[in-house]
Amino acid sequence: NLNISFITKKKIGTAVIRNKIKRRLRNIMNDAVKNISIKFDFSYLVICKASVLHSNYTNIKETLFQEFKRIK
């Protein structure tokens, strides 16, 4: 059972913007589970920075994939 939590601070923007970021991250993590080996024994906490708001989807995806590969 995989446990991943996403945190966005109120400084980033309104609730609509924060939820959009979380939806993007959830979608990326669904791809990550299929493509890279993630240990299901751990709980993960992803904290978003304001730069995520202005980054495009592919940059966010590449960054998250690199970080999860590094966790191994």
Protein backbone atom coordinates (compact mmCIF):
# COMPACT_ATOMS: atom_id res chain seq x y z
CA ASN A 1 0.00 0.00 0.00
CA LEU A 2 1.63 3.23 -1.19
CA ASN A 3 1.20 6.34 0.95
CA ILE A 4 2.08 9.67 -0.72
CA SER A 5 1.03 13.04 0.68
CA PHE A 6 1.20 16.35 -1.16
CA ILE A 7 1.52 19.66 0.66
CA THR A 8 1.02 23.10 -0.88
CA LYS A 9 1.32 26.19 1.26
CA LYS A 10 -1.25 28.96 1.21
CA LYS A 11 1.41 31.37 -0.02
CA ILE A 12 1.35 29.64 -3.42
CA GLY A 13 -2.15 30.82 -4.29
CA THR A 14 -5.85 30.27 -3.92
CA ALA A 15 -7.42 26.89 -3.21
CA VAL A 16 -8.16 26.40 -6.92
CA ILE A 17 -4.48 26.83 -7.82
CA ARG A 18 -3.28 24.62 -4.97
CA ASN A 19 -5.71 21.86 -5.95
CA LYS A 20 -4.58 22.10 -9.58
CA ILE A 21 -0.99 21.54 -8.48
CA LYS A 22 -2.01 18.56 -6.35
CA ARG A 23 -3.96 17.03 -9.25
CA ARG A 24 -0.91 17.37 -11.49
CA LEU A 25 1.33 15.74 -8.89
CA ARG A 26 -1.11 12.86 -8.33
CA ASN A 27 -1.21 12.24 -12.08
CA ILE A 28 2.59 12.26 -12.28
CA MET A 29 2.85 9.85 -9.36
CA ASN A 30 0.45 7.44 -11.07
CA ASP A 31 2.86 7.39 -14.03
CA ALA A 32 5.84 7.03 -11.71
CA VAL A 33 4.41 3.95 -10.01
CA LYS A 34 4.02 2.30 -13.41
CA ASN A 35 7.41 3.31 -14.85
CA ILE A 36 9.93 3.30 -11.99
CA SER A 37 10.29 1.04 -9.00
CA ILE A 38 9.07 2.80 -5.87
CA LYS A 39 9.33 1.15 -2.50
CA PHE A 40 5.84 0.62 -1.10
CA ASP A 41 7.14 0.17 2.46
CA PHE A 42 7.63 3.89 3.01
CA SER A 43 5.39 6.92 3.32
CA TYR A 44 6.35 9.81 1.07
CA LEU A 45 5.75 13.51 1.65
CA VAL A 46 5.99 15.86 -1.34
CA ILE A 47 6.19 19.55 -0.43
CA CYS A 48 5.50 21.93 -3.32
CA LYS A 49 7.35 25.15 -3.90
CA ALA A 50 5.96 28.20 -5.67
CA SER A 51 8.10 27.40 -8.73
CA VAL A 52 5.82 24.42 -9.46
CA LEU A 53 3.06 26.85 -10.36
CA HIS A 54 5.01 28.33 -13.29
CA SER A 55 6.71 25.12 -14.45
CA ASN A 56 5.26 23.03 -17.24
CA TYR A 57 4.10 19.46 -16.76
CA THR A 58 7.13 17.77 -18.33
CA ASN A 59 9.63 19.66 -16.15
CA ILE A 60 7.75 18.73 -12.98
CA LYS A 61 7.54 15.12 -14.14
CA GLU A 62 11.27 14.88 -14.91
CA THR A 63 12.19 16.41 -11.56
CA LEU A 64 9.95 14.07 -9.57
CA PHE A 65 11.17 11.01 -11.48
CA GLN A 66 14.79 11.98 -10.80
CA GLU A 67 14.13 12.46 -7.10
CA PHE A 68 12.30 9.17 -6.69
CA LYS A 69 15.06 7.33 -8.55
CA ARG A 70 17.58 8.94 -6.19
CA ILE A 71 15.66 7.72 -3.12
CA LYS A 72 16.43 4.10 -3.99
